[in-house]
Amino acid sequence: MRKIIEGDIPFLGLKTHYRMVVGTDSSKRPLILLHGGPGSSHNSLEVLDPIADQGRTLVYYDQIG
């Protein structure tokens, strides 16, 4: 089972949501995933979660807007 960490980071009076799928190999650099832009979210990218099974941590964030 994949370890998933989610939360919000305060920024200029707003909140930026993030989601991390934690990989098991700390020697691999994390993969930062950016969605298409305002009005969209990271949810459409969650199909990439299986990459974490190869040891790499995935970091998603929801752009404000």
PDB file of N, CA and C in Angstrom:
ATOM      1  N   MET A   1       0.835  -1.170   0.000  1.00  0.00           N
ATOM      2  CA  MET A   1       0.000   0.000   0.000  1.00  0.00           C
ATOM      3  C   MET A   1       0.891   1.249   0.000  1.00  0.00           C
ATOM      4  N   ARG A   2       0.530   2.222  -0.803  1.00  0.00           N
ATOM      5  CA  ARG A   2       1.305   3.455  -0.907  1.00  0.00           C
ATOM      6  C   ARG A   2       0.996   4.399   0.255  1.00  0.00           C
ATOM      7  N   LYS A   3       2.038   5.055   0.754  1.00  0.00           N
ATOM      8  CA  LYS A   3       1.839   6.072   1.792  1.00  0.00           C
ATOM      9  C   LYS A   3       1.539   7.401   1.105  1.00  0.00           C
ATOM     10  N   ILE A   4       0.420   8.014   1.474  1.00  0.00           N
ATOM     11  CA  ILE A   4       0.002   9.283   0.885  1.00  0.00           C
ATOM     12  C   ILE A   4      -0.101  10.323   1.992  1.00  0.00           C
ATOM     13  N   ILE A   5       0.509  11.477   1.751  1.00  0.00           N
ATOM     14  CA  ILE A   5       0.461  12.603   2.686  1.00  0.00           C
ATOM     15  C   ILE A   5      -0.190  13.772   1.956  1.00  0.00           C
ATOM     16  N   GLU A   6      -1.203  14.378   2.568  1.00  0.00           N
ATOM     17  CA  GLU A   6      -1.869  15.537   1.967  1.00  0.00           C
ATOM     18  C   GLU A   6      -1.964  16.650   2.990  1.00  0.00           C
ATOM     19  N   GLY A   7      -2.007  17.869   2.504  1.00  0.00           N
ATOM     20  CA  GLY A   7      -2.159  19.001   3.406  1.00  0.00           C
ATOM     21  C   GLY A   7      -2.290  20.301   2.643  1.00  0.00           C
ATOM     22  N   ASP A   8      -2.274  21.392   3.375  1.00  0.00           N
ATOM     23  CA  ASP A   8      -2.383  22.726   2.801  1.00  0.00           C
ATOM     24  C   ASP A   8      -1.238  23.582   3.314  1.00  0.00           C
ATOM     25  N   ILE A   9      -0.718  24.431   2.439  1.00  0.00           N
ATOM     26  CA  ILE A   9       0.336  25.365   2.797  1.00  0.00           C
ATOM     27  C   ILE A   9      -0.239  26.771   2.673  1.00  0.00           C
ATOM     28  N   PRO A  10      -0.211  27.573   3.759  1.00  0.00           N
ATOM     29  CA  PRO A  10      -0.722  28.939   3.654  1.00  0.00           C
ATOM     30  C   PRO A  10       0.188  29.793   2.767  1.00  0.00           C
ATOM     31  N   PHE A  11      -0.434  30.628   1.941  1.00  0.00           N
ATOM     32  CA  PHE A  11       0.320  31.480   1.026  1.00  0.00           C
ATOM     33  C   PHE A  11      -0.484  32.737   0.743  1.00  0.00           C
ATOM     34  N   LEU A  12       0.002  33.875   1.177  1.00  0.00           N
ATOM     35  CA  LEU A  12      -0.638  35.176   0.936  1.00  0.00           C
ATOM     36  C   LEU A  12      -2.117  35.174   1.301  1.00  0.00           C
ATOM     37  N   GLY A  13      -2.442  34.593   2.434  1.00  0.00           N
ATOM     38  CA  GLY A  13      -3.827  34.561   2.890  1.00  0.00           C
ATOM     39  C   GLY A  13      -4.680  33.485   2.243  1.00  0.00           C
ATOM     40  N   LEU A  14      -4.109  32.708   1.348  1.00  0.00           N
ATOM     41  CA  LEU A  14      -4.808  31.604   0.683  1.00  0.00           C
ATOM     42  C   LEU A  14      -4.151  30.295   1.112  1.00  0.00           C
ATOM     43  N   LYS A  15      -4.635  29.195   0.570  1.00  0.00           N
ATOM     44  CA  LYS A  15      -4.037  27.889   0.858  1.00  0.00           C
ATOM     45  C   LYS A  15      -3.729  27.172  -0.448  1.00  0.00           C
ATOM     46  N   THR A  16      -2.568  26.565  -0.504  1.00  0.00           N
ATOM     47  CA  THR A  16      -2.188  25.725  -1.636  1.00  0.00           C
ATOM     48  C   THR A  16      -2.211  24.281  -1.153  1.00  0.00           C
ATOM     49  N   HIS A  17      -3.016  23.456  -1.819  1.00  0.00           N
ATOM     50  CA  HIS A  17      -3.123  22.051  -1.430  1.00  0.00           C
ATOM     51  C   HIS A  17      -1.991  21.258  -2.076  1.00  0.00           C
ATOM     52  N   TYR A  18      -1.449  20.295  -1.345  1.00  0.00           N
ATOM     53  CA  TYR A  18      -0.433  19.410  -1.904  1.00  0.00           C
ATOM     54  C   TYR A  18      -0.766  17.966  -1.544  1.00  0.00           C
ATOM     55  N   ARG A  19      -0.207  17.073  -2.324  1.00  0.00           N
ATOM     56  CA  ARG A  19      -0.373  15.631  -2.103  1.00  0.00           C
ATOM     57  C   ARG A  19       0.945  14.972  -2.451  1.00  0.00           C
ATOM     58  N   MET A  20       1.436  14.113  -1.569  1.00  0.00           N
ATOM     59  CA  MET A  20       2.672  13.379  -1.820  1.00  0.00           C
ATOM     60  C   MET A  20       2.393  11.885  -1.762  1.00  0.00           C
ATOM     61  N   VAL A  21       2.907  11.169  -2.740  1.00  0.00           N
ATOM     62  CA  VAL A  21       2.892   9.711  -2.714  1.00  0.00           C
ATOM     63  C   VAL A  21       4.343   9.326  -2.438  1.00  0.00           C
ATOM     64  N   VAL A  22       4.582   8.787  -1.267  1.00  0.00           N
ATOM     65  CA  VAL A  22       5.942   8.591  -0.780  1.00  0.00           C
ATOM     66  C   VAL A  22       6.545   7.308  -1.340  1.00  0.00           C
ATOM     67  N   GLY A  23       7.686   7.465  -2.007  1.00  0.00           N
ATOM     68  CA  GLY A  23       8.423   6.317  -2.511  1.00  0.00           C
ATOM     69  C   GLY A  23       9.334   5.755  -1.426  1.00  0.00           C
ATOM     70  N   THR A  24       9.921   4.608  -1.703  1.00  0.00           N
ATOM     71  CA  THR A  24      10.742   3.924  -0.702  1.00  0.00           C
ATOM     72  C   THR A  24      12.242   4.091  -0.925  1.00  0.00           C
ATOM     73  N   ASP A  25      12.643   4.742  -2.022  1.00  0.00           N
ATOM     74  CA  ASP A  25      14.065   4.879  -2.346  1.00  0.00           C
ATOM     75  C   ASP A  25      14.472   6.352  -2.254  1.00  0.00           C
ATOM     76  N   SER A  26      15.065   6.736  -1.125  1.00  0.00           N
ATOM     77  CA  SER A  26      15.423   8.139  -0.916  1.00  0.00           C
ATOM     78  C   SER A  26      16.568   8.602  -1.821  1.00  0.00           C
ATOM     79  N   SER A  27      17.237   7.679  -2.516  1.00  0.00           N
ATOM     80  CA  SER A  27      18.304   8.084  -3.432  1.00  0.00           C
ATOM     81  C   SER A  27      17.742   8.607  -4.756  1.00  0.00           C
ATOM     82  N   LYS A  28      16.454   8.348  -5.012  1.00  0.00           N
ATOM     83  CA  LYS A  28      15.815   8.851  -6.235  1.00  0.00           C
ATOM     84  C   LYS A  28      15.216  10.223  -5.962  1.00  0.00           C
ATOM     85  N   ARG A  29      15.430  11.141  -6.883  1.00  0.00           N
ATOM     86  CA  ARG A  29      14.873  12.485  -6.725  1.00  0.00           C
ATOM     87  C   ARG A  29      13.355  12.436  -6.830  1.00  0.00           C
ATOM     88  N   PRO A  30      12.668  13.299  -6.065  1.00  0.00           N
ATOM     89  CA  PRO A  30      11.209  13.331  -6.167  1.00  0.00           C
ATOM     90  C   PRO A  30      10.780  13.875  -7.528  1.00  0.00           C
ATOM     91  N   LEU A  31       9.619  13.461  -7.959  1.00  0.00           N
ATOM     92  CA  LEU A  31       9.039  13.936  -9.209  1.00  0.00           C
ATOM     93  C   LEU A  31       7.950  14.944  -8.859  1.00  0.00           C
ATOM     94  N   ILE A  32       8.115  16.196  -9.300  1.00  0.00           N
ATOM     95  CA  ILE A  32       7.142  17.256  -9.042  1.00  0.00           C
ATOM     96  C   ILE A  32       6.178  17.282 -10.220  1.00  0.00           C
ATOM     97  N   LEU A  33       4.882  17.132  -9.937  1.00  0.00           N
ATOM     98  CA  LEU A  33       3.869  17.055 -10.990  1.00  0.00           C
ATOM     99  C   LEU A  33       3.026  18.322 -10.986  1.00  0.00           C
ATOM    100  N   LEU A  34       2.965  18.984 -12.129  1.00  0.00           N
ATOM    101  CA  LEU A  34       2.233  20.238 -12.275  1.00  0.00           C
ATOM    102  C   LEU A  34       1.026  20.010 -13.179  1.00  0.00           C
ATOM    103  N   HIS A  35      -0.123  20.461 -12.749  1.00  0.00           N
ATOM    104  CA  HIS A  35      -1.313  20.312 -13.589  1.00  0.00           C
ATOM    105  C   HIS A  35      -1.400  21.468 -14.579  1.00  0.00           C
ATOM    106  N   GLY A  36      -2.408  21.432 -15.431  1.00  0.00           N
ATOM    107  CA  GLY A  36      -2.512  22.346 -16.569  1.00  0.00           C
ATOM    108  C   GLY A  36      -2.741  23.811 -16.276  1.00  0.00           C
ATOM    109  N   GLY A  37      -3.233  24.174 -15.121  1.00  0.00           N
ATOM    110  CA  GLY A  37      -3.427  25.591 -14.855  1.00  0.00           C
ATOM    111  C   GLY A  37      -4.622  25.858 -13.970  1.00  0.00           C
ATOM    112  N   PRO A  38      -4.934  27.137 -13.772  1.00  0.00           N
ATOM    113  CA  PRO A  38      -6.051  27.506 -12.907  1.00  0.00           C
ATOM    114  C   PRO A  38      -7.351  26.831 -13.346  1.00  0.00           C
ATOM    115  N   GLY A  39      -8.133  26.423 -12.370  1.00  0.00           N
ATOM    116  CA  GLY A  39      -9.404  25.759 -12.667  1.00  0.00           C
ATOM    117  C   GLY A  39      -9.263  24.254 -12.790  1.00  0.00           C
ATOM    118  N   SER A  40      -8.043  23.784 -12.839  1.00  0.00           N
ATOM    119  CA  SER A  40      -7.757  22.354 -12.920  1.00  0.00           C
ATOM    120  C   SER A  40      -7.218  21.922 -11.556  1.00  0.00           C
ATOM    121  N   SER A  41      -7.018  20.634 -11.372  1.00  0.00           N
ATOM    122  CA  SER A  41      -6.430  20.164 -10.116  1.00  0.00           C
ATOM    123  C   SER A  41      -5.489  19.001 -10.397  1.00  0.00           C
ATOM    124  N   HIS A  42      -4.829  18.548  -9.341  1.00  0.00           N
ATOM    125  CA  HIS A  42      -3.892  17.429  -9.485  1.00  0.00           C
ATOM    126  C   HIS A  42      -4.606  16.095  -9.692  1.00  0.00           C
ATOM    127  N   ASN A  43      -5.918  16.045  -9.463  1.00  0.00           N
ATOM    128  CA  ASN A  43      -6.643  14.769  -9.500  1.00  0.00           C
ATOM    129  C   ASN A  43      -6.448  14.007 -10.806  1.00  0.00           C
ATOM    130  N   SER A  44      -6.370  14.723 -11.927  1.00  0.00           N
ATOM    131  CA  SER A  44      -6.222  14.038 -13.216  1.00  0.00           C
ATOM    132  C   SER A  44      -4.852  13.377 -13.359  1.00  0.00           C
ATOM    133  N   LEU A  45      -3.898  13.777 -12.541  1.00  0.00           N
ATOM    134  CA  LEU A  45      -2.550  13.208 -12.616  1.00  0.00           C
ATOM    135  C   LEU A  45      -2.358  11.994 -11.715  1.00  0.00           C
ATOM    136  N   GLU A  46      -3.354  11.681 -10.892  1.00  0.00           N
ATOM    137  CA  GLU A  46      -3.202  10.577  -9.941  1.00  0.00           C
ATOM    138  C   GLU A  46      -3.008   9.225 -10.627  1.00  0.00           C
ATOM    139  N   VAL A  47      -3.274   9.149 -11.928  1.00  0.00           N
ATOM    140  CA  VAL A  47      -2.996   7.906 -12.661  1.00  0.00           C
ATOM    141  C   VAL A  47      -1.497   7.608 -12.669  1.00  0.00           C
ATOM    142  N   LEU A  48      -0.680   8.606 -12.320  1.00  0.00           N
ATOM    143  CA  LEU A  48       0.773   8.416 -12.275  1.00  0.00           C
ATOM    144  C   LEU A  48       1.259   7.859 -10.939  1.00  0.00           C
ATOM    145  N   ASP A  49       0.369   7.681  -9.974  1.00  0.00           N
ATOM    146  CA  ASP A  49       0.753   7.162  -8.653  1.00  0.00           C
ATOM    147  C   ASP A  49       1.604   5.892  -8.708  1.00  0.00           C
ATOM    148  N   PRO A  50       1.374   4.965  -9.652  1.00  0.00           N
ATOM    149  CA  PRO A  50       2.189   3.743  -9.690  1.00  0.00           C
ATOM    150  C   PRO A  50       3.692   3.990  -9.859  1.00  0.00           C
ATOM    151  N   ILE A  51       4.088   5.183 -10.316  1.00  0.00           N
ATOM    152  CA  ILE A  51       5.520   5.492 -10.414  1.00  0.00           C
ATOM    153  C   ILE A  51       6.173   5.367  -9.040  1.00  0.00           C
ATOM    154  N   ALA A  52       5.429   5.672  -7.984  1.00  0.00           N
ATOM    155  CA  ALA A  52       5.965   5.568  -6.620  1.00  0.00           C
ATOM    156  C   ALA A  52       6.340   4.131  -6.278  1.00  0.00           C
ATOM    157  N   ASP A  53       5.729   3.163  -6.954  1.00  0.00           N
ATOM    158  CA  ASP A  53       6.061   1.760  -6.705  1.00  0.00           C
ATOM    159  C   ASP A  53       7.489   1.435  -7.141  1.00  0.00           C
ATOM    160  N   GLN A  54       8.083   2.313  -7.949  1.00  0.00           N
ATOM    161  CA  GLN A  54       9.473   2.145  -8.375  1.00  0.00           C
ATOM    162  C   GLN A  54      10.428   2.849  -7.409  1.00  0.00           C
ATOM    163  N   GLY A  55       9.886   3.372  -6.300  1.00  0.00           N
ATOM    164  CA  GLY A  55      10.714   3.980  -5.267  1.00  0.00           C
ATOM    165  C   GLY A  55      10.728   5.496  -5.244  1.00  0.00           C
ATOM    166  N   ARG A  56      10.244   6.127  -6.300  1.00  0.00           N
ATOM    167  CA  ARG A  56      10.313   7.589  -6.410  1.00  0.00           C
ATOM    168  C   ARG A  56       9.115   8.250  -5.728  1.00  0.00           C
ATOM    169  N   THR A  57       9.355   9.328  -4.973  1.00  0.00           N
ATOM    170  CA  THR A  57       8.273  10.091  -4.352  1.00  0.00           C
ATOM    171  C   THR A  57       7.674  11.047  -5.377  1.00  0.00           C
ATOM    172  N   LEU A  58       6.359  11.127  -5.402  1.00  0.00           N
ATOM    173  CA  LEU A  58       5.641  12.049  -6.286  1.00  0.00           C
ATOM    174  C   LEU A  58       5.081  13.186  -5.453  1.00  0.00           C
ATOM    175  N   VAL A  59       5.205  14.405  -5.953  1.00  0.00           N
ATOM    176  CA  VAL A  59       4.664  15.578  -5.259  1.00  0.00           C
ATOM    177  C   VAL A  59       3.724  16.296  -6.215  1.00  0.00           C
ATOM    178  N   TYR A  60       2.449  16.366  -5.836  1.00  0.00           N
ATOM    179  CA  TYR A  60       1.437  17.087  -6.605  1.00  0.00           C
ATOM    180  C   TYR A  60       1.100  18.365  -5.847  1.00  0.00           C
ATOM    181  N   TYR A  61       0.754  19.419  -6.571  1.00  0.00           N
ATOM    182  CA  TYR A  61       0.228  20.582  -5.867  1.00  0.00           C
ATOM    183  C   TYR A  61      -0.882  21.196  -6.704  1.00  0.00           C
ATOM    184  N   ASP A  62      -1.824  21.817  -6.037  1.00  0.00           N
ATOM    185  CA  ASP A  62      -2.919  22.502  -6.715  1.00  0.00           C
ATOM    186  C   ASP A  62      -2.612  23.987  -6.761  1.00  0.00           C
ATOM    187  N   GLN A  63      -2.448  24.472  -7.961  1.00  0.00           N
ATOM    188  CA  GLN A  63      -2.186  25.882  -8.190  1.00  0.00           C
ATOM    189  C   GLN A  63      -3.379  26.713  -7.714  1.00  0.00           C
ATOM    190  N   ILE A  64      -3.115  27.843  -7.090  1.00  0.00           N
ATOM    191  CA  ILE A  64      -4.200  28.723  -6.650  1.00  0.00           C
ATOM    192  C   ILE A  64      -4.861  29.340  -7.874  1.00  0.00           C
ATOM    193  N   GLY A  65      -6.185  29.330  -7.877  1.00  0.00           N
ATOM    194  CA  GLY A  65      -6.892  29.990  -8.976  1.00  0.00           C
ATOM    195  C   GLY A  65      -8.082  29.240  -9.440  1.00  0.00           C
TER     196      GLY A  65
END
